[in-house]
Amino acid sequence: MFDGFTLYHKQKAAEAALDQADALYRQAVITASQNVADALRGLQQDTPALQAAIKSELAANKSLDLIKRCS
């Protein structure tokens, strides 16, 4: 009879450990998904700045070419 309770409590402890591992796994997946979403949002916000920098570089190169031709 005492062994039965021991096995019962071991089973409950194993089930609780499984529930905890499941919760930790779910949290890791949620955190990873949030990190990906944050990275994608950052890329979307950086795109206009990068495009502006490219246009600025092209304009600077054109100005430099004009100055070199006039010199």
PDB file of N, CA and C in Angstrom:
ATOM      1  N   MET A   1       0.819  -1.187   0.000  1.00  0.00           N
ATOM      2  CA  MET A   1       0.000   0.000   0.000  1.00  0.00           C
ATOM      3  C   MET A   1       0.869   1.260   0.000  1.00  0.00           C
ATOM      4  N   PHE A   2       1.942   1.268   0.793  1.00  0.00           N
ATOM      5  CA  PHE A   2       2.814   2.432   0.825  1.00  0.00           C
ATOM      6  C   PHE A   2       3.525   2.604  -0.511  1.00  0.00           C
ATOM      7  N   ASP A   3       3.873   1.499  -1.153  1.00  0.00           N
ATOM      8  CA  ASP A   3       4.511   1.577  -2.469  1.00  0.00           C
ATOM      9  C   ASP A   3       3.578   2.191  -3.496  1.00  0.00           C
ATOM     10  N   GLY A   4       2.303   1.917  -3.377  1.00  0.00           N
ATOM     11  CA  GLY A   4       1.324   2.472  -4.297  1.00  0.00           C
ATOM     12  C   GLY A   4       1.293   3.988  -4.222  1.00  0.00           C
ATOM     13  N   PHE A   5       1.332   4.535  -3.017  1.00  0.00           N
ATOM     14  CA  PHE A   5       1.355   5.985  -2.867  1.00  0.00           C
ATOM     15  C   PHE A   5       2.663   6.580  -3.373  1.00  0.00           C
ATOM     16  N   THR A   6       3.759   5.839  -3.170  1.00  0.00           N
ATOM     17  CA  THR A   6       5.056   6.312  -3.664  1.00  0.00           C
ATOM     18  C   THR A   6       5.025   6.413  -5.187  1.00  0.00           C
ATOM     19  N   LEU A   7       4.515   5.383  -5.807  1.00  0.00           N
ATOM     20  CA  LEU A   7       4.421   5.395  -7.275  1.00  0.00           C
ATOM     21  C   LEU A   7       3.472   6.492  -7.742  1.00  0.00           C
ATOM     22  N   TYR A   8       2.372   6.680  -7.025  1.00  0.00           N
ATOM     23  CA  TYR A   8       1.405   7.723  -7.377  1.00  0.00           C
ATOM     24  C   TYR A   8       2.073   9.100  -7.324  1.00  0.00           C
ATOM     25  N   HIS A   9       2.801   9.364  -6.266  1.00  0.00           N
ATOM     26  CA  HIS A   9       3.453  10.664  -6.119  1.00  0.00           C
ATOM     27  C   HIS A   9       4.587  10.847  -7.131  1.00  0.00           C
ATOM     28  N   LYS A  10       5.283   9.769  -7.446  1.00  0.00           N
ATOM     29  CA  LYS A  10       6.320   9.856  -8.485  1.00  0.00           C
ATOM     30  C   LYS A  10       5.688  10.180  -9.838  1.00  0.00           C
ATOM     31  N   GLN A  11       4.547   9.569 -10.100  1.00  0.00           N
ATOM     32  CA  GLN A  11       3.852   9.848 -11.358  1.00  0.00           C
ATOM     33  C   GLN A  11       3.404  11.306 -11.394  1.00  0.00           C
ATOM     34  N   LYS A  12       2.842  11.802 -10.307  1.00  0.00           N
ATOM     35  CA  LYS A  12       2.398  13.195 -10.260  1.00  0.00           C
ATOM     36  C   LYS A  12       3.580  14.153 -10.419  1.00  0.00           C
ATOM     37  N   ALA A  13       4.717  13.809  -9.812  1.00  0.00           N
ATOM     38  CA  ALA A  13       5.907  14.642  -9.951  1.00  0.00           C
ATOM     39  C   ALA A  13       6.398  14.641 -11.398  1.00  0.00           C
ATOM     40  N   ALA A  14       6.357  13.476 -12.046  1.00  0.00           N
ATOM     41  CA  ALA A  14       6.781  13.384 -13.444  1.00  0.00           C
ATOM     42  C   ALA A  14       5.835  14.178 -14.342  1.00  0.00           C
ATOM     43  N   GLU A  15       4.547  14.106 -14.053  1.00  0.00           N
ATOM     44  CA  GLU A  15       3.575  14.868 -14.838  1.00  0.00           C
ATOM     45  C   GLU A  15       3.787  16.375 -14.648  1.00  0.00           C
ATOM     46  N   ALA A  16       4.076  16.788 -13.427  1.00  0.00           N
ATOM     47  CA  ALA A  16       4.331  18.206 -13.163  1.00  0.00           C
ATOM     48  C   ALA A  16       5.595  18.663 -13.880  1.00  0.00           C
ATOM     49  N   ALA A  17       6.629  17.817 -13.893  1.00  0.00           N
ATOM     50  CA  ALA A  17       7.865  18.159 -14.605  1.00  0.00           C
ATOM     51  C   ALA A  17       7.607  18.278 -16.102  1.00  0.00           C
ATOM     52  N   LEU A  18       6.777  17.405 -16.624  1.00  0.00           N
ATOM     53  CA  LEU A  18       6.425  17.467 -18.050  1.00  0.00           C
ATOM     54  C   LEU A  18       5.656  18.756 -18.361  1.00  0.00           C
ATOM     55  N   ASP A  19       4.718  19.109 -17.486  1.00  0.00           N
ATOM     56  CA  ASP A  19       3.970  20.357 -17.682  1.00  0.00           C
ATOM     57  C   ASP A  19       4.910  21.557 -17.646  1.00  0.00           C
ATOM     58  N   GLN A  20       5.877  21.531 -16.734  1.00  0.00           N
ATOM     59  CA  GLN A  20       6.826  22.638 -16.636  1.00  0.00           C
ATOM     60  C   GLN A  20       7.700  22.713 -17.893  1.00  0.00           C
ATOM     61  N   ALA A  21       8.169  21.568 -18.365  1.00  0.00           N
ATOM     62  CA  ALA A  21       8.985  21.550 -19.583  1.00  0.00           C
ATOM     63  C   ALA A  21       8.181  22.053 -20.778  1.00  0.00           C
ATOM     64  N   ASP A  22       6.912  21.676 -20.835  1.00  0.00           N
ATOM     65  CA  ASP A  22       6.040  22.135 -21.918  1.00  0.00           C
ATOM     66  C   ASP A  22       5.877  23.652 -21.862  1.00  0.00           C
ATOM     67  N   ALA A  23       5.671  24.187 -20.671  1.00  0.00           N
ATOM     68  CA  ALA A  23       5.513  25.633 -20.522  1.00  0.00           C
ATOM     69  C   ALA A  23       6.791  26.369 -20.911  1.00  0.00           C
ATOM     70  N   LEU A  24       7.941  25.835 -20.516  1.00  0.00           N
ATOM     71  CA  LEU A  24       9.215  26.463 -20.871  1.00  0.00           C
ATOM     72  C   LEU A  24       9.445  26.431 -22.379  1.00  0.00           C
ATOM     73  N   TYR A  25       9.096  25.319 -23.011  1.00  0.00           N
ATOM     74  CA  TYR A  25       9.244  25.199 -24.462  1.00  0.00           C
ATOM     75  C   TYR A  25       8.341  26.211 -25.174  1.00  0.00           C
ATOM     76  N   ARG A  26       7.093  26.301 -24.729  1.00  0.00           N
ATOM     77  CA  ARG A  26       6.158  27.247 -25.342  1.00  0.00           C
ATOM     78  C   ARG A  26       6.667  28.681 -25.192  1.00  0.00           C
ATOM     79  N   GLN A  27       7.206  29.002 -24.009  1.00  0.00           N
ATOM     80  CA  GLN A  27       7.729  30.346 -23.794  1.00  0.00           C
ATOM     81  C   GLN A  27       8.926  30.618 -24.700  1.00  0.00           C
ATOM     82  N   ALA A  28       9.778  29.608 -24.890  1.00  0.00           N
ATOM     83  CA  ALA A  28      10.932  29.773 -25.778  1.00  0.00           C
ATOM     84  C   ALA A  28      10.479  30.025 -27.215  1.00  0.00           C
ATOM     85  N   VAL A  29       9.451  29.315 -27.653  1.00  0.00           N
ATOM     86  CA  VAL A  29       8.931  29.502 -29.010  1.00  0.00           C
ATOM     87  C   VAL A  29       8.327  30.898 -29.159  1.00  0.00           C
ATOM     88  N   ILE A  30       7.577  31.325 -28.155  1.00  0.00           N
ATOM     89  CA  ILE A  30       6.974  32.663 -28.205  1.00  0.00           C
ATOM     90  C   ILE A  30       8.055  33.736 -28.241  1.00  0.00           C
ATOM     91  N   THR A  31       9.077  33.575 -27.407  1.00  0.00           N
ATOM     92  CA  THR A  31      10.164  34.552 -27.367  1.00  0.00           C
ATOM     93  C   THR A  31      10.911  34.591 -28.702  1.00  0.00           C
ATOM     94  N   ALA A  32      11.184  33.426 -29.266  1.00  0.00           N
ATOM     95  CA  ALA A  32      11.878  33.378 -30.557  1.00  0.00           C
ATOM     96  C   ALA A  32      11.036  34.036 -31.647  1.00  0.00           C
ATOM     97  N   SER A  33       9.746  33.786 -31.638  1.00  0.00           N
ATOM     98  CA  SER A  33       8.860  34.397 -32.636  1.00  0.00           C
ATOM     99  C   SER A  33       8.836  35.916 -32.481  1.00  0.00           C
ATOM    100  N   GLN A  34       8.823  36.375 -31.242  1.00  0.00           N
ATOM    101  CA  GLN A  34       8.832  37.820 -30.999  1.00  0.00           C
ATOM    102  C   GLN A  34      10.143  38.441 -31.477  1.00  0.00           C
ATOM    103  N   ASN A  35      11.258  37.732 -31.254  1.00  0.00           N
ATOM    104  CA  ASN A  35      12.552  38.236 -31.720  1.00  0.00           C
ATOM    105  C   ASN A  35      12.595  38.344 -33.240  1.00  0.00           C
ATOM    106  N   VAL A  36      12.032  37.356 -33.925  1.00  0.00           N
ATOM    107  CA  VAL A  36      11.985  37.401 -35.396  1.00  0.00           C
ATOM    108  C   VAL A  36      11.120  38.570 -35.848  1.00  0.00           C
ATOM    109  N   ALA A  37       9.967  38.741 -35.205  1.00  0.00           N
ATOM    110  CA  ALA A  37       9.080  39.849 -35.573  1.00  0.00           C
ATOM    111  C   ALA A  37       9.768  41.193 -35.343  1.00  0.00           C
ATOM    112  N   ASP A  38      10.493  41.317 -34.234  1.00  0.00           N
ATOM    113  CA  ASP A  38      11.209  42.565 -33.953  1.00  0.00           C
ATOM    114  C   ASP A  38      12.292  42.829 -35.002  1.00  0.00           C
ATOM    115  N   ALA A  39      13.002  41.775 -35.397  1.00  0.00           N
ATOM    116  CA  ALA A  39      14.048  41.934 -36.408  1.00  0.00           C
ATOM    117  C   ALA A  39      13.453  42.350 -37.750  1.00  0.00           C
ATOM    118  N   LEU A  40      12.344  41.737 -38.131  1.00  0.00           N
ATOM    119  CA  LEU A  40      11.690  42.101 -39.390  1.00  0.00           C
ATOM    120  C   LEU A  40      11.181  43.538 -39.348  1.00  0.00           C
ATOM    121  N   ARG A  41      10.629  43.942 -38.216  1.00  0.00           N
ATOM    122  CA  ARG A  41      10.149  45.315 -38.070  1.00  0.00           C
ATOM    123  C   ARG A  41      11.319  46.290 -38.182  1.00  0.00           C
ATOM    124  N   GLY A  42      12.454  45.929 -37.590  1.00  0.00           N
ATOM    125  CA  GLY A  42      13.640  46.766 -37.689  1.00  0.00           C
ATOM    126  C   GLY A  42      14.119  46.905 -39.121  1.00  0.00           C
ATOM    127  N   LEU A  43      14.093  45.813 -39.862  1.00  0.00           N
ATOM    128  CA  LEU A  43      14.495  45.863 -41.271  1.00  0.00           C
ATOM    129  C   LEU A  43      13.554  46.760 -42.069  1.00  0.00           C
ATOM    130  N   GLN A  44      12.270  46.659 -41.785  1.00  0.00           N
ATOM    131  CA  GLN A  44      11.307  47.509 -42.494  1.00  0.00           C
ATOM    132  C   GLN A  44      11.557  48.979 -42.197  1.00  0.00           C
ATOM    133  N   GLN A  45      11.915  49.295 -40.971  1.00  0.00           N
ATOM    134  CA  GLN A  45      12.149  50.688 -40.607  1.00  0.00           C
ATOM    135  C   GLN A  45      13.476  51.196 -41.154  1.00  0.00           C
ATOM    136  N   ASP A  46      14.443  50.302 -41.339  1.00  0.00           N
ATOM    137  CA  ASP A  46      15.750  50.712 -41.852  1.00  0.00           C
ATOM    138  C   ASP A  46      15.748  50.904 -43.369  1.00  0.00           C
ATOM    139  N   THR A  47      14.811  50.303 -44.064  1.00  0.00           N
ATOM    140  CA  THR A  47      14.789  50.362 -45.527  1.00  0.00           C
ATOM    141  C   THR A  47      14.739  51.793 -46.064  1.00  0.00           C
ATOM    142  N   PRO A  48      13.850  52.647 -45.594  1.00  0.00           N
ATOM    143  CA  PRO A  48      13.827  54.021 -46.120  1.00  0.00           C
ATOM    144  C   PRO A  48      15.140  54.773 -45.845  1.00  0.00           C
ATOM    145  N   ALA A  49      15.716  54.560 -44.689  1.00  0.00           N
ATOM    146  CA  ALA A  49      16.981  55.231 -44.368  1.00  0.00           C
ATOM    147  C   ALA A  49      18.093  54.752 -45.291  1.00  0.00           C
ATOM    148  N   LEU A  50      18.126  53.475 -45.577  1.00  0.00           N
ATOM    149  CA  LEU A  50      19.139  52.938 -46.494  1.00  0.00           C
ATOM    150  C   LEU A  50      18.935  53.496 -47.899  1.00  0.00           C
ATOM    151  N   GLN A  51      17.691  53.564 -48.355  1.00  0.00           N
ATOM    152  CA  GLN A  51      17.413  54.116 -49.680  1.00  0.00           C
ATOM    153  C   GLN A  51      17.837  55.576 -49.756  1.00  0.00           C
ATOM    154  N   ALA A  52      17.588  56.327 -48.697  1.00  0.00           N
ATOM    155  CA  ALA A  52      17.997  57.735 -48.673  1.00  0.00           C
ATOM    156  C   ALA A  52      19.521  57.852 -48.695  1.00  0.00           C
ATOM    157  N   ALA A  53      20.202  56.979 -47.982  1.00  0.00           N
ATOM    158  CA  ALA A  53      21.667  57.006 -47.964  1.00  0.00           C
ATOM    159  C   ALA A  53      22.232  56.678 -49.343  1.00  0.00           C
ATOM    160  N   ILE A  54      21.609  55.742 -50.037  1.00  0.00           N
ATOM    161  CA  ILE A  54      22.067  55.384 -51.388  1.00  0.00           C
ATOM    162  C   ILE A  54      21.874  56.571 -52.333  1.00  0.00           C
ATOM    163  N   LYS A  55      20.714  57.218 -52.260  1.00  0.00           N
ATOM    164  CA  LYS A  55      20.473  58.393 -53.110  1.00  0.00           C
ATOM    165  C   LYS A  55      21.472  59.502 -52.795  1.00  0.00           C
ATOM    166  N   SER A  56      21.770  59.687 -51.533  1.00  0.00           N
ATOM    167  CA  SER A  56      22.733  60.705 -51.124  1.00  0.00           C
ATOM    168  C   SER A  56      24.124  60.380 -51.664  1.00  0.00           C
ATOM    169  N   GLU A  57      24.494  59.123 -51.604  1.00  0.00           N
ATOM    170  CA  GLU A  57      25.801  58.723 -52.131  1.00  0.00           C
ATOM    171  C   GLU A  57      25.873  58.953 -53.638  1.00  0.00           C
ATOM    172  N   LEU A  58      24.813  58.604 -54.343  1.00  0.00           N
ATOM    173  CA  LEU A  58      24.800  58.812 -55.790  1.00  0.00           C
ATOM    174  C   LEU A  58      24.917  60.293 -56.129  1.00  0.00           C
ATOM    175  N   ALA A  59      24.197  61.125 -55.383  1.00  0.00           N
ATOM    176  CA  ALA A  59      24.275  62.568 -55.626  1.00  0.00           C
ATOM    177  C   ALA A  59      25.673  63.094 -55.324  1.00  0.00           C
ATOM    178  N   ALA A  60      26.285  62.609 -54.263  1.00  0.00           N
ATOM    179  CA  ALA A  60      27.643  63.038 -53.918  1.00  0.00           C
ATOM    180  C   ALA A  60      28.635  62.612 -54.996  1.00  0.00           C
ATOM    181  N   ASN A  61      28.452  61.413 -55.516  1.00  0.00           N
ATOM    182  CA  ASN A  61      29.342  60.943 -56.591  1.00  0.00           C
ATOM    183  C   ASN A  61      29.184  61.795 -57.856  1.00  0.00           C
ATOM    184  N   LYS A  62      27.935  62.164 -58.173  1.00  0.00           N
ATOM    185  CA  LYS A  62      27.713  63.029 -59.338  1.00  0.00           C
ATOM    186  C   LYS A  62      28.386  64.386 -59.132  1.00  0.00           C
ATOM    187  N   SER A  63      28.251  64.925 -57.927  1.00  0.00           N
ATOM    188  CA  SER A  63      28.897  66.210 -57.630  1.00  0.00           C
ATOM    189  C   SER A  63      30.407  66.098 -57.738  1.00  0.00           C
ATOM    190  N   LEU A  64      30.953  65.026 -57.238  1.00  0.00           N
ATOM    191  CA  LEU A  64      32.396  64.818 -57.312  1.00  0.00           C
ATOM    192  C   LEU A  64      32.847  64.707 -58.762  1.00  0.00           C
ATOM    193  N   ASP A  65      32.104  63.993 -59.564  1.00  0.00           N
ATOM    194  CA  ASP A  65      32.439  63.882 -61.001  1.00  0.00           C
ATOM    195  C   ASP A  65      32.429  65.255 -61.692  1.00  0.00           C
ATOM    196  N   LEU A  66      31.402  66.064 -61.372  1.00  0.00           N
ATOM    197  CA  LEU A  66      31.329  67.403 -61.956  1.00  0.00           C
ATOM    198  C   LEU A  66      32.522  68.264 -61.540  1.00  0.00           C
ATOM    199  N   ILE A  67      32.872  68.173 -60.282  1.00  0.00           N
ATOM    200  CA  ILE A  67      34.026  68.968 -59.783  1.00  0.00           C
ATOM    201  C   ILE A  67      35.313  68.519 -60.450  1.00  0.00           C
ATOM    202  N   LYS A  68      35.470  67.218 -60.624  1.00  0.00           N
ATOM    203  CA  LYS A  68      36.686  66.696 -61.270  1.00  0.00           C
ATOM    204  C   LYS A  68      36.756  67.155 -62.729  1.00  0.00           C
ATOM    205  N   ARG A  69      35.611  67.202 -63.401  1.00  0.00           N
ATOM    206  CA  ARG A  69      35.596  67.610 -64.814  1.00  0.00           C
ATOM    207  C   ARG A  69      35.931  69.085 -64.952  1.00  0.00           C
ATOM    208  N   CYS A  70      35.456  69.901 -64.020  1.00  0.00           N
ATOM    209  CA  CYS A  70      35.675  71.356 -64.093  1.00  0.00           C
ATOM    210  C   CYS A  70      37.090  71.751 -63.644  1.00  0.00           C
ATOM    211  N   SER A  71      37.756  70.886 -62.952  1.00  0.00           N
ATOM    212  CA  SER A  71      39.094  71.248 -62.441  1.00  0.00           C
ATOM    213  C   SER A  71      40.154  71.157 -63.488  1.00  0.00           C
TER     214      SER A  71
END
